[in-house]
């Protein structure tokens, strides 16, 4: 196996970063904060010119989709509903 990517980088670096970001899920025993930070870093590398509004909604969706715990997903959805009810 060639290790030229270590010296010269990948030829399809933007596509590689996009795939890494799209496939990233929370690792077992990884904190929510650690997972969120890793996802933000990958997103910034994959789409450096991303629009702020699009970035927020896209990161939120990716974060929820990659969570290991279904209970946490339900909890976050409940919090969002409560937040919206309070701020209406």
N, C-alpha and C. Protein backbone atom coordinates (compact mmCIF):
# COMPACT_ATOMS: atom_id res chain seq x y z
N UNK A 1 0.84 -1.17 0.00
CA UNK A 1 0.00 0.00 0.00
C UNK A 1 0.89 1.24 0.00
N UNK A 2 0.57 2.17 -0.83
CA UNK A 2 1.35 3.40 -0.95
C UNK A 2 0.99 4.37 0.18
N UNK A 3 1.99 5.02 0.69
CA UNK A 3 1.76 6.02 1.74
C UNK A 3 2.11 7.42 1.24
N UNK A 4 1.98 7.63 -0.06
CA UNK A 4 2.32 8.93 -0.63
C UNK A 4 1.40 10.03 -0.11
N UNK A 5 0.17 9.66 0.32
CA UNK A 5 -0.74 10.67 0.85
C UNK A 5 -0.19 11.32 2.12
N UNK A 6 0.67 10.60 2.83
CA UNK A 6 1.25 11.18 4.05
C UNK A 6 2.17 12.34 3.71
N UNK A 7 2.84 12.26 2.60
CA UNK A 7 3.76 13.32 2.21
C UNK A 7 3.09 14.38 1.35
N UNK A 8 2.25 13.95 0.41
CA UNK A 8 1.70 14.87 -0.58
C UNK A 8 0.22 15.19 -0.39
N UNK A 9 -0.43 14.53 0.52
CA UNK A 9 -1.85 14.73 0.69
C UNK A 9 -2.65 13.86 -0.27
N UNK A 10 -3.96 13.89 -0.14
CA UNK A 10 -4.83 13.12 -1.03
C UNK A 10 -5.14 13.95 -2.27
N UNK A 11 -5.29 13.28 -3.39
CA UNK A 11 -5.63 13.98 -4.62
C UNK A 11 -7.03 14.57 -4.57
N UNK A 12 -7.92 13.88 -3.94
CA UNK A 12 -9.32 14.33 -3.87
C UNK A 12 -9.65 14.81 -2.45
N UNK A 13 -8.79 15.65 -1.89
CA UNK A 13 -8.93 16.08 -0.49
C UNK A 13 -10.32 16.65 -0.16
N UNK A 14 -10.88 17.57 -0.96
CA UNK A 14 -12.21 18.09 -0.60
C UNK A 14 -13.28 16.99 -0.53
N UNK A 15 -13.28 16.08 -1.49
CA UNK A 15 -14.27 15.00 -1.48
C UNK A 15 -14.04 14.07 -0.30
N UNK A 16 -12.78 13.81 0.01
CA UNK A 16 -12.45 12.96 1.15
C UNK A 16 -12.96 13.58 2.45
N UNK A 17 -12.74 14.88 2.61
CA UNK A 17 -13.20 15.57 3.82
C UNK A 17 -14.74 15.55 3.91
N UNK A 18 -15.40 15.71 2.78
CA UNK A 18 -16.87 15.66 2.77
C UNK A 18 -17.37 14.29 3.18
N UNK A 19 -16.73 13.24 2.66
CA UNK A 19 -17.14 11.87 3.03
C UNK A 19 -16.91 11.61 4.51
N UNK A 20 -15.77 12.06 5.02
CA UNK A 20 -15.49 11.89 6.45
C UNK A 20 -16.53 12.59 7.31
N UNK A 21 -16.89 13.80 6.92
CA UNK A 21 -17.89 14.55 7.68
C UNK A 21 -19.26 13.87 7.60
N UNK A 22 -19.63 13.45 6.40
CA UNK A 22 -20.94 12.82 6.22
C UNK A 22 -21.07 11.49 6.97
N UNK A 23 -19.97 10.77 7.10
CA UNK A 23 -20.04 9.46 7.73
C UNK A 23 -19.69 9.47 9.21
N UNK A 24 -19.33 10.62 9.76
CA UNK A 24 -18.89 10.69 11.16
C UNK A 24 -20.06 10.45 12.09
N UNK A 25 -19.90 9.54 13.02
CA UNK A 25 -20.88 9.29 14.07
C UNK A 25 -20.16 9.35 15.41
N UNK A 26 -20.95 9.43 16.45
CA UNK A 26 -20.39 9.47 17.80
C UNK A 26 -19.74 8.13 18.11
N UNK A 27 -18.50 8.19 18.59
CA UNK A 27 -17.81 6.97 18.99
C UNK A 27 -18.29 6.54 20.36
N UNK A 28 -18.19 5.24 20.61
CA UNK A 28 -18.57 4.73 21.92
C UNK A 28 -17.69 5.41 22.97
N UNK A 29 -18.28 5.82 24.05
CA UNK A 29 -17.62 6.52 25.16
C UNK A 29 -17.14 7.93 24.81
N UNK A 30 -17.53 8.48 23.66
CA UNK A 30 -17.17 9.84 23.30
C UNK A 30 -18.22 10.79 23.88
N UNK A 31 -17.78 11.87 24.49
CA UNK A 31 -18.73 12.82 25.07
C UNK A 31 -19.47 13.57 23.96
N UNK A 32 -20.60 14.15 24.31
CA UNK A 32 -21.34 14.95 23.34
C UNK A 32 -20.51 16.15 22.90
N UNK A 33 -19.82 16.77 23.85
CA UNK A 33 -18.99 17.93 23.52
C UNK A 33 -17.86 17.54 22.58
N UNK A 34 -17.22 16.42 22.83
CA UNK A 34 -16.14 15.95 21.97
C UNK A 34 -16.64 15.60 20.58
N UNK A 35 -17.80 14.95 20.52
CA UNK A 35 -18.39 14.60 19.23
C UNK A 35 -18.77 15.86 18.45
N UNK A 36 -19.39 16.81 19.14
CA UNK A 36 -19.79 18.06 18.49
C UNK A 36 -18.59 18.83 17.95
N UNK A 37 -17.52 18.88 18.72
CA UNK A 37 -16.31 19.59 18.28
C UNK A 37 -15.68 18.91 17.07
N UNK A 38 -15.60 17.59 17.10
CA UNK A 38 -15.03 16.85 15.97
C UNK A 38 -15.85 17.08 14.70
N UNK A 39 -17.16 17.10 14.85
CA UNK A 39 -18.04 17.31 13.70
C UNK A 39 -17.88 18.72 13.14
N UNK A 40 -17.77 19.73 14.01
CA UNK A 40 -17.57 21.11 13.54
C UNK A 40 -16.24 21.25 12.80
N UNK A 41 -15.19 20.61 13.31
CA UNK A 41 -13.89 20.69 12.64
C UNK A 41 -13.95 20.03 11.27
N UNK A 42 -14.54 18.84 11.20
CA UNK A 42 -14.66 18.16 9.91
C UNK A 42 -15.48 18.99 8.92
N UNK A 43 -16.57 19.59 9.41
CA UNK A 43 -17.43 20.39 8.54
C UNK A 43 -16.66 21.59 7.99
N UNK A 44 -15.91 22.26 8.86
CA UNK A 44 -15.13 23.43 8.43
C UNK A 44 -14.09 23.05 7.39
N UNK A 45 -13.48 21.87 7.53
CA UNK A 45 -12.49 21.42 6.55
C UNK A 45 -13.14 21.00 5.23
N UNK A 46 -14.32 20.42 5.32
CA UNK A 46 -15.01 19.95 4.11
C UNK A 46 -15.65 21.09 3.33
N UNK A 47 -16.24 22.05 4.03
CA UNK A 47 -16.93 23.17 3.40
C UNK A 47 -16.44 24.49 4.00
N UNK A 48 -15.23 24.90 3.67
CA UNK A 48 -14.69 26.12 4.29
C UNK A 48 -15.46 27.39 3.93
N UNK A 49 -16.16 27.38 2.83
CA UNK A 49 -16.92 28.56 2.40
C UNK A 49 -18.41 28.43 2.71
N UNK A 50 -18.77 27.50 3.60
CA UNK A 50 -20.19 27.24 3.89
C UNK A 50 -20.89 28.45 4.49
N UNK A 51 -22.14 28.62 4.14
CA UNK A 51 -22.94 29.71 4.68
C UNK A 51 -23.32 29.39 6.12
N UNK A 52 -23.37 30.42 6.96
CA UNK A 52 -23.63 30.22 8.39
C UNK A 52 -24.98 29.57 8.64
N UNK A 53 -26.05 30.05 8.00
CA UNK A 53 -27.38 29.48 8.21
C UNK A 53 -27.41 28.02 7.79
N UNK A 54 -26.85 27.73 6.63
CA UNK A 54 -26.83 26.37 6.12
C UNK A 54 -25.96 25.49 7.01
N UNK A 55 -24.84 26.06 7.48
CA UNK A 55 -23.93 25.30 8.32
C UNK A 55 -24.62 24.88 9.61
N UNK A 56 -25.34 25.78 10.24
CA UNK A 56 -26.01 25.46 11.51
C UNK A 56 -27.02 24.34 11.35
N UNK A 57 -27.87 24.44 10.34
CA UNK A 57 -28.90 23.40 10.17
C UNK A 57 -28.28 22.08 9.74
N UNK A 58 -27.28 22.14 8.89
CA UNK A 58 -26.62 20.93 8.43
C UNK A 58 -25.87 20.24 9.58
N UNK A 59 -25.16 21.01 10.39
CA UNK A 59 -24.44 20.44 11.53
C UNK A 59 -25.42 19.86 12.55
N UNK A 60 -26.54 20.53 12.77
CA UNK A 60 -27.54 20.02 13.71
C UNK A 60 -28.06 18.66 13.25
N UNK A 61 -28.36 18.56 11.97
CA UNK A 61 -28.86 17.29 11.43
C UNK A 61 -27.80 16.20 11.53
N UNK A 62 -26.57 16.51 11.15
CA UNK A 62 -25.48 15.53 11.22
C UNK A 62 -25.23 15.09 12.65
N UNK A 63 -25.30 16.05 13.59
CA UNK A 63 -25.08 15.75 15.00
C UNK A 63 -26.14 14.76 15.49
N UNK A 64 -27.40 15.05 15.22
CA UNK A 64 -28.49 14.18 15.66
C UNK A 64 -28.40 12.81 15.00
N UNK A 65 -28.10 12.78 13.70
CA UNK A 65 -28.03 11.51 12.98
C UNK A 65 -26.89 10.62 13.47
N UNK A 66 -25.84 11.23 13.99
CA UNK A 66 -24.68 10.46 14.41
C UNK A 66 -24.65 10.07 15.87
N UNK A 67 -25.66 10.48 16.63
CA UNK A 67 -25.68 10.13 18.05
C UNK A 67 -25.88 8.64 18.24
N UNK A 68 -25.22 8.08 19.22
CA UNK A 68 -25.32 6.65 19.52
C UNK A 68 -26.60 6.32 20.30
N UNK A 69 -27.06 7.24 21.12
CA UNK A 69 -28.16 6.96 22.02
C UNK A 69 -29.49 7.50 21.48
N UNK A 70 -30.45 6.63 21.18
CA UNK A 70 -31.77 7.09 20.73
C UNK A 70 -32.46 7.95 21.80
N UNK A 71 -32.17 7.63 23.07
CA UNK A 71 -32.77 8.42 24.16
C UNK A 71 -32.27 9.86 24.12
N UNK A 72 -30.99 10.05 23.78
CA UNK A 72 -30.43 11.39 23.70
C UNK A 72 -31.06 12.17 22.55
N UNK A 73 -31.31 11.51 21.44
CA UNK A 73 -31.96 12.15 20.31
C UNK A 73 -33.35 12.64 20.73
N UNK A 74 -34.11 11.79 21.42
CA UNK A 74 -35.43 12.19 21.89
C UNK A 74 -35.34 13.34 22.88
N UNK A 75 -34.37 13.29 23.77
CA UNK A 75 -34.18 14.35 24.76
C UNK A 75 -33.87 15.69 24.08
N UNK A 76 -33.00 15.68 23.08
CA UNK A 76 -32.66 16.91 22.37
C UNK A 76 -33.87 17.47 21.62
N UNK A 77 -34.66 16.59 21.03
CA UNK A 77 -35.87 17.05 20.34
C UNK A 77 -36.86 17.67 21.32
N UNK A 78 -36.98 17.08 22.51
CA UNK A 78 -37.85 17.63 23.54
C UNK A 78 -37.35 19.01 23.98
N UNK A 79 -36.05 19.14 24.20
CA UNK A 79 -35.49 20.44 24.57
C UNK A 79 -35.75 21.49 23.51
N UNK A 80 -35.61 21.12 22.25
CA UNK A 80 -35.86 22.06 21.16
C UNK A 80 -37.32 22.50 21.16
N UNK A 81 -38.23 21.56 21.36
CA UNK A 81 -39.65 21.89 21.42
C UNK A 81 -39.94 22.85 22.57
N UNK A 82 -39.37 22.57 23.74
CA UNK A 82 -39.57 23.45 24.91
C UNK A 82 -39.00 24.83 24.64
N UNK A 83 -37.83 24.90 24.04
CA UNK A 83 -37.20 26.18 23.73
C UNK A 83 -38.09 27.00 22.79
N UNK A 84 -38.61 26.33 21.76
CA UNK A 84 -39.47 27.03 20.80
C UNK A 84 -40.75 27.53 21.48
N UNK A 85 -41.33 26.74 22.37
CA UNK A 85 -42.55 27.14 23.07
C UNK A 85 -42.31 28.36 23.95
N UNK A 86 -41.15 28.40 24.59
CA UNK A 86 -40.82 29.51 25.49
C UNK A 86 -40.58 30.79 24.71
N UNK A 87 -39.99 30.70 23.53
CA UNK A 87 -39.57 31.88 22.77
C UNK A 87 -40.56 32.28 21.69
N UNK A 88 -41.76 31.79 21.76
CA UNK A 88 -42.78 32.19 20.77
C UNK A 88 -43.57 33.37 21.29
